[in-house]
Every structure is written in structure tokens, then in C-alpha cells.
């Protein structure tokens, strides 16, 4: 159906989304509140028009998993937040790898 090159581009796009999420999570682990403030600057609350909504969709789609969990963990002391987030980040990385292989298998079965 689709050429092998198009399937490869789709797989690369999926990998880029997972890597972006994981990389932002690592920067959150290292820099903490600084990166959370940077992420909050990129989000419009409340989003009133299509531009703001599309910007929110892009920010949450590319970087949103790490800040979501980090915000949930900020009620704990600093060191506990870092330790729990490191565990979540490890699980997020492993889950991303498994999901990548499942999604690429599905894409190859359906489109290949």
C-alpha cells in the first residue's frame, strides 16, 4: 500500500514524539521548577481561540507527560520528588520502547 519509505517516516515520527517526551522529562529531573515555569509559559490558560488551542495541543503532545507527573509530585519534599520522578522517568522510557515496537508492528501489518 504505502511505500517502505513512508512507513519509515511514520516510524521516525513516532520515535521523535517518544524521545521528545523522554528528553523533556530528563531536563525536568535536572532543572525542576525552572523547566516547569518554561513549560507553563508555553501554555495558554484558558485557551480562547484556535491558535492558543493548537499551541496547547502541540506543547502537551510533545512535552506534556513529564510536566504532568512532575506537577503531581511537587507536593512532596524536593528529594522525594526527584526520586519518584526518576522512577517514573525510567518506567516512561521502558513504556515508550514497548509502545514503539507495538506501534511499528501494527503499522507494518496494516500498511506494509
Protein backbone atom coordinates (compact mmCIF):
# COMPACT_ATOMS: atom_id res chain seq x y z
CA UNK A 1 0.00 0.00 0.00
CA UNK A 2 2.38 2.71 1.20
CA UNK A 3 5.98 2.67 0.19
CA UNK A 4 8.59 1.45 2.65
CA UNK A 5 9.98 4.96 2.86
CA UNK A 6 6.64 6.41 4.01
CA UNK A 7 6.31 3.69 6.65
CA UNK A 8 9.81 4.51 7.85
CA UNK A 9 8.91 8.23 8.09
CA UNK A 10 5.85 7.36 10.19
CA UNK A 11 8.01 5.21 12.48
CA UNK A 12 10.57 8.01 12.81
CA UNK A 13 7.80 10.48 13.71
CA UNK A 14 6.52 8.15 16.44
CA UNK A 15 10.06 7.74 17.78
CA UNK A 16 10.58 11.52 17.76
CA UNK A 17 7.46 12.06 19.89
CA UNK A 18 8.59 9.45 22.43
CA UNK A 19 12.16 10.80 22.51
CA UNK A 20 10.89 14.37 22.93
CA UNK A 21 8.74 13.36 25.88
CA UNK A 22 11.62 11.47 27.49
CA UNK A 23 14.19 14.23 26.86
CA UNK A 24 11.94 16.87 28.40
CA UNK A 25 11.45 14.55 31.36
CA UNK A 26 15.21 14.32 31.83
CA UNK A 27 15.52 18.11 31.77
CA UNK A 28 12.71 18.29 34.33
CA UNK A 29 14.63 15.88 36.53
CA UNK A 30 17.77 18.01 36.23
CA UNK A 31 16.31 21.52 36.36
CA UNK A 32 12.95 21.05 38.09
CA UNK A 33 10.95 24.22 38.67
CA UNK A 34 12.83 26.18 36.01
CA UNK A 35 11.60 23.84 33.28
CA UNK A 36 8.11 23.72 34.79
CA UNK A 37 7.92 27.51 34.59
CA UNK A 38 9.18 27.39 31.00
CA UNK A 39 6.50 24.81 30.16
CA UNK A 40 3.81 26.93 31.85
CA UNK A 41 4.84 29.96 29.78
CA UNK A 42 4.05 27.96 26.65
CA UNK A 43 0.54 27.00 27.77
CA UNK A 44 -2.43 29.36 27.42
CA UNK A 45 -4.92 29.18 30.29
CA UNK A 46 -7.71 29.45 29.32
CA UNK A 47 -7.29 28.91 25.59
CA UNK A 48 -9.81 31.14 23.82
CA UNK A 49 -9.05 30.81 20.10
CA UNK A 50 -7.78 28.18 17.67
CA UNK A 51 -4.18 29.46 17.77
CA UNK A 52 -3.97 29.12 21.55
CA UNK A 53 -5.66 25.72 21.45
CA UNK A 54 -3.29 24.45 18.76
CA UNK A 55 -0.30 25.75 20.71
CA UNK A 56 -1.54 23.95 23.83
CA UNK A 57 -2.07 20.76 21.81
CA UNK A 58 1.48 20.96 20.44
CA UNK A 59 3.06 21.66 23.85
CA UNK A 60 1.12 18.94 25.64
CA UNK A 61 1.64 16.47 22.78
CA UNK A 62 5.38 17.00 22.57
CA UNK A 63 6.31 17.68 26.20
CA UNK A 64 3.24 17.06 28.36
CA UNK A 65 3.79 13.72 30.11
CA UNK A 66 6.80 14.78 32.18
CA UNK A 67 5.29 18.05 33.44
CA UNK A 68 2.04 16.27 34.26
CA UNK A 69 3.74 13.78 36.57
CA UNK A 70 6.18 16.36 37.96
CA UNK A 71 3.32 18.69 38.89
CA UNK A 72 1.60 15.82 40.71
CA UNK A 73 4.80 15.09 42.66
CA UNK A 74 5.60 18.70 43.65
CA UNK A 75 3.62 18.38 46.89
CA UNK A 76 6.36 16.12 48.32
CA UNK A 77 9.75 17.30 49.63
CA UNK A 78 12.37 18.05 46.99
CA UNK A 79 14.43 14.85 47.26
CA UNK A 80 11.34 12.61 47.32
CA UNK A 81 10.02 14.41 44.23
CA UNK A 82 13.31 13.79 42.42
CA UNK A 83 13.46 10.11 43.40
CA UNK A 84 9.86 9.38 42.48
CA UNK A 85 10.19 11.28 39.21
CA UNK A 86 13.35 9.33 38.35
CA UNK A 87 11.42 6.09 38.84
CA UNK A 88 8.53 7.41 36.75
CA UNK A 89 11.01 8.53 34.08
CA UNK A 90 12.56 5.06 33.97
CA UNK A 91 9.12 3.47 33.62
CA UNK A 92 8.18 6.06 30.99
CA UNK A 93 11.28 5.17 28.97
CA UNK A 94 10.58 1.45 29.13
CA UNK A 95 6.92 2.01 28.24
CA UNK A 96 7.94 4.18 25.30
CA UNK A 97 10.18 1.44 23.94
CA UNK A 98 7.46 -1.19 24.25
CA UNK A 99 4.83 1.10 22.71
CA UNK A 100 7.18 1.98 19.85
CA UNK A 101 7.66 -1.69 18.95
CA UNK A 102 3.93 -2.39 19.23
CA UNK A 103 3.00 0.61 17.07
CA UNK A 104 5.62 -0.14 14.43
CA UNK A 105 4.44 -3.76 14.28
CA UNK A 106 0.85 -2.58 13.79
CA UNK A 107 1.91 -0.11 11.11
CA UNK A 108 3.89 -2.76 9.27
CA UNK A 109 0.98 -5.21 9.43
CA UNK A 110 -1.62 -2.69 8.29
CA UNK A 111 0.36 -0.67 5.77
CA UNK A 112 3.26 -2.91 4.80
